[in-house]
């Protein structure tokens, strides 16, 4: 049986990695909705826990933008929990810096 993604271009792995990099930049710029959309597009192409953890960061920023600091803190806690296993192994995305960036905004 052929892989359903076999004939796709760019390959799913490349789309997944590019989306993570794109979402990293969007999170750094506070583009919460765009980061969410970017991450939603690659669910199922790679490590969904990593994607969902980054999505929680976007949700925290969005909740803060909506003025709901309590829900922003909850989303940040979810992100920390999901991303904890990846903090040391992700070499090309600085997850610790992204968490700190969102934490600073939520707690300011």
C-alpha atoms as a PDB file:
ATOM      1  CA  UNK A   1       0.000   0.000   0.000  1.00  0.00           C
ATOM      2  CA  UNK A   2       1.413   3.376  -1.008  1.00  0.00           C
ATOM      3  CA  UNK A   3       1.929   6.194   1.460  1.00  0.00           C
ATOM      4  CA  UNK A   4      -0.836   8.751   0.921  1.00  0.00           C
ATOM      5  CA  UNK A   5       1.740  11.588   1.044  1.00  0.00           C
ATOM      6  CA  UNK A   6       4.281   9.933  -1.269  1.00  0.00           C
ATOM      7  CA  UNK A   7       3.567  12.067  -4.346  1.00  0.00           C
ATOM      8  CA  UNK A   8       3.173  15.394  -2.528  1.00  0.00           C
ATOM      9  CA  UNK A   9       5.564  18.228  -3.212  1.00  0.00           C
ATOM     10  CA  UNK A  10       7.095  19.609  -1.196  1.00  0.00           C
ATOM     11  CA  UNK A  11       7.292  16.437   0.870  1.00  0.00           C
ATOM     12  CA  UNK A  12       5.308  16.409   4.120  1.00  0.00           C
ATOM     13  CA  UNK A  13       8.477  16.466   6.241  1.00  0.00           C
ATOM     14  CA  UNK A  14       9.657  19.640   4.504  1.00  0.00           C
ATOM     15  CA  UNK A  15       6.235  21.290   4.823  1.00  0.00           C
ATOM     16  CA  UNK A  16       6.144  20.344   8.504  1.00  0.00           C
ATOM     17  CA  UNK A  17       9.604  21.769   9.256  1.00  0.00           C
ATOM     18  CA  UNK A  18       8.928  24.949   7.250  1.00  0.00           C
ATOM     19  CA  UNK A  19       5.640  25.460   9.101  1.00  0.00           C
ATOM     20  CA  UNK A  20       7.391  25.163  12.469  1.00  0.00           C
ATOM     21  CA  UNK A  21       9.929  27.800  11.420  1.00  0.00           C
ATOM     22  CA  UNK A  22       7.185  30.044  10.035  1.00  0.00           C
ATOM     23  CA  UNK A  23       5.135  29.668  13.230  1.00  0.00           C
ATOM     24  CA  UNK A  24       8.220  30.462  15.319  1.00  0.00           C
ATOM     25  CA  UNK A  25       8.583  33.791  13.528  1.00  0.00           C
ATOM     26  CA  UNK A  26       4.875  34.507  13.778  1.00  0.00           C
ATOM     27  CA  UNK A  27       4.929  33.863  17.524  1.00  0.00           C
ATOM     28  CA  UNK A  28       7.963  36.123  17.908  1.00  0.00           C
ATOM     29  CA  UNK A  29       6.063  38.902  16.104  1.00  0.00           C
ATOM     30  CA  UNK A  30       2.856  38.356  18.116  1.00  0.00           C
ATOM     31  CA  UNK A  31       0.925  37.103  15.072  1.00  0.00           C
ATOM     32  CA  UNK A  32      -1.138  34.705  17.174  1.00  0.00           C
ATOM     33  CA  UNK A  33      -3.867  33.884  14.660  1.00  0.00           C
ATOM     34  CA  UNK A  34      -1.423  33.343  11.816  1.00  0.00           C
ATOM     35  CA  UNK A  35       0.695  31.045  13.983  1.00  0.00           C
ATOM     36  CA  UNK A  36      -2.410  29.046  14.871  1.00  0.00           C
ATOM     37  CA  UNK A  37      -3.372  28.685  11.212  1.00  0.00           C
ATOM     38  CA  UNK A  38       0.172  27.726  10.232  1.00  0.00           C
ATOM     39  CA  UNK A  39       0.321  25.037  12.896  1.00  0.00           C
ATOM     40  CA  UNK A  40      -3.174  23.732  12.138  1.00  0.00           C
ATOM     41  CA  UNK A  41      -2.078  23.116   8.549  1.00  0.00           C
ATOM     42  CA  UNK A  42       0.549  20.561   9.608  1.00  0.00           C
ATOM     43  CA  UNK A  43      -1.327  18.520  12.196  1.00  0.00           C
ATOM     44  CA  UNK A  44      -0.759  14.921  11.161  1.00  0.00           C
ATOM     45  CA  UNK A  45       2.451  15.565   9.199  1.00  0.00           C
ATOM     46  CA  UNK A  46       4.911  15.342  12.093  1.00  0.00           C
ATOM     47  CA  UNK A  47       5.018  15.388  15.863  1.00  0.00           C
ATOM     48  CA  UNK A  48       1.527  16.527  16.797  1.00  0.00           C
ATOM     49  CA  UNK A  49       2.429  17.072  20.474  1.00  0.00           C
ATOM     50  CA  UNK A  50       5.071  19.600  19.471  1.00  0.00           C
ATOM     51  CA  UNK A  51       2.630  21.328  17.125  1.00  0.00           C
ATOM     52  CA  UNK A  52      -0.078  21.410  19.779  1.00  0.00           C
ATOM     53  CA  UNK A  53       2.354  22.791  22.344  1.00  0.00           C
ATOM     54  CA  UNK A  54       3.301  25.618  20.014  1.00  0.00           C
ATOM     55  CA  UNK A  55      -0.379  26.136  19.285  1.00  0.00           C
ATOM     56  CA  UNK A  56      -0.998  26.606  23.027  1.00  0.00           C
ATOM     57  CA  UNK A  57       1.571  29.421  22.949  1.00  0.00           C
ATOM     58  CA  UNK A  58      -0.383  31.071  20.145  1.00  0.00           C
ATOM     59  CA  UNK A  59      -3.613  30.572  22.091  1.00  0.00           C
ATOM     60  CA  UNK A  60      -2.050  32.180  25.179  1.00  0.00           C
ATOM     61  CA  UNK A  61      -1.086  35.233  23.148  1.00  0.00           C
ATOM     62  CA  UNK A  62      -4.510  35.405  21.570  1.00  0.00           C
ATOM     63  CA  UNK A  63      -6.259  35.145  24.961  1.00  0.00           C
ATOM     64  CA  UNK A  64      -4.047  37.931  26.256  1.00  0.00           C
ATOM     65  CA  UNK A  65      -4.852  40.054  23.207  1.00  0.00           C
ATOM     66  CA  UNK A  66      -8.549  39.452  23.989  1.00  0.00           C
ATOM     67  CA  UNK A  67      -7.934  40.738  27.511  1.00  0.00           C
ATOM     68  CA  UNK A  68      -8.375  37.384  29.238  1.00  0.00           C
ATOM     69  CA  UNK A  69      -5.176  37.100  31.268  1.00  0.00           C
ATOM     70  CA  UNK A  70      -6.419  34.111  33.319  1.00  0.00           C
ATOM     71  CA  UNK A  71      -7.100  32.000  30.229  1.00  0.00           C
ATOM     72  CA  UNK A  72      -3.806  33.176  28.748  1.00  0.00           C
ATOM     73  CA  UNK A  73      -2.001  31.819  31.837  1.00  0.00           C
ATOM     74  CA  UNK A  74      -3.829  28.503  31.492  1.00  0.00           C
ATOM     75  CA  UNK A  75      -2.831  28.223  27.842  1.00  0.00           C
ATOM     76  CA  UNK A  76       0.759  29.064  28.774  1.00  0.00           C
ATOM     77  CA  UNK A  77       0.700  26.298  31.398  1.00  0.00           C
ATOM     78  CA  UNK A  78      -0.612  23.849  28.786  1.00  0.00           C
ATOM     79  CA  UNK A  79       2.182  24.929  26.421  1.00  0.00           C
ATOM     80  CA  UNK A  80       4.854  24.450  29.076  1.00  0.00           C
ATOM     81  CA  UNK A  81       3.553  20.977  29.857  1.00  0.00           C
ATOM     82  CA  UNK A  82       3.379  19.874  26.217  1.00  0.00           C
ATOM     83  CA  UNK A  83       6.687  21.423  25.216  1.00  0.00           C
ATOM     84  CA  UNK A  84       8.737  20.285  28.241  1.00  0.00           C
ATOM     85  CA  UNK A  85       9.912  17.042  26.560  1.00  0.00           C
ATOM     86  CA  UNK A  86      11.126  19.012  23.521  1.00  0.00           C
ATOM     87  CA  UNK A  87      13.111  21.770  25.224  1.00  0.00           C
ATOM     88  CA  UNK A  88      16.435  19.968  24.984  1.00  0.00           C
ATOM     89  CA  UNK A  89      15.969  18.116  21.718  1.00  0.00           C
ATOM     90  CA  UNK A  90      14.707  20.870  19.422  1.00  0.00           C
ATOM     91  CA  UNK A  91      17.838  22.382  17.922  1.00  0.00           C
ATOM     92  CA  UNK A  92      16.373  24.580  15.208  1.00  0.00           C
ATOM     93  CA  UNK A  93      13.495  26.136  17.154  1.00  0.00           C
ATOM     94  CA  UNK A  94      14.215  27.918  20.414  1.00  0.00           C
ATOM     95  CA  UNK A  95      11.193  26.732  22.356  1.00  0.00           C
ATOM     96  CA  UNK A  96      12.538  28.076  25.659  1.00  0.00           C
ATOM     97  CA  UNK A  97      12.792  31.552  24.139  1.00  0.00           C
ATOM     98  CA  UNK A  98       9.255  31.320  22.743  1.00  0.00           C
ATOM     99  CA  UNK A  99       7.878  30.221  26.112  1.00  0.00           C
ATOM    100  CA  UNK A 100       9.745  33.042  27.824  1.00  0.00           C
ATOM    101  CA  UNK A 101       8.491  35.590  25.295  1.00  0.00           C
ATOM    102  CA  UNK A 102       4.861  34.595  25.871  1.00  0.00           C
ATOM    103  CA  UNK A 103       5.387  34.306  29.635  1.00  0.00           C
ATOM    104  CA  UNK A 104       6.772  37.854  29.769  1.00  0.00           C
ATOM    105  CA  UNK A 105       3.735  39.170  27.897  1.00  0.00           C
ATOM    106  CA  UNK A 106       1.251  37.228  30.024  1.00  0.00           C
ATOM    107  CA  UNK A 107       2.854  38.196  33.310  1.00  0.00           C
ATOM    108  CA  UNK A 108       3.487  41.871  32.504  1.00  0.00           C
END
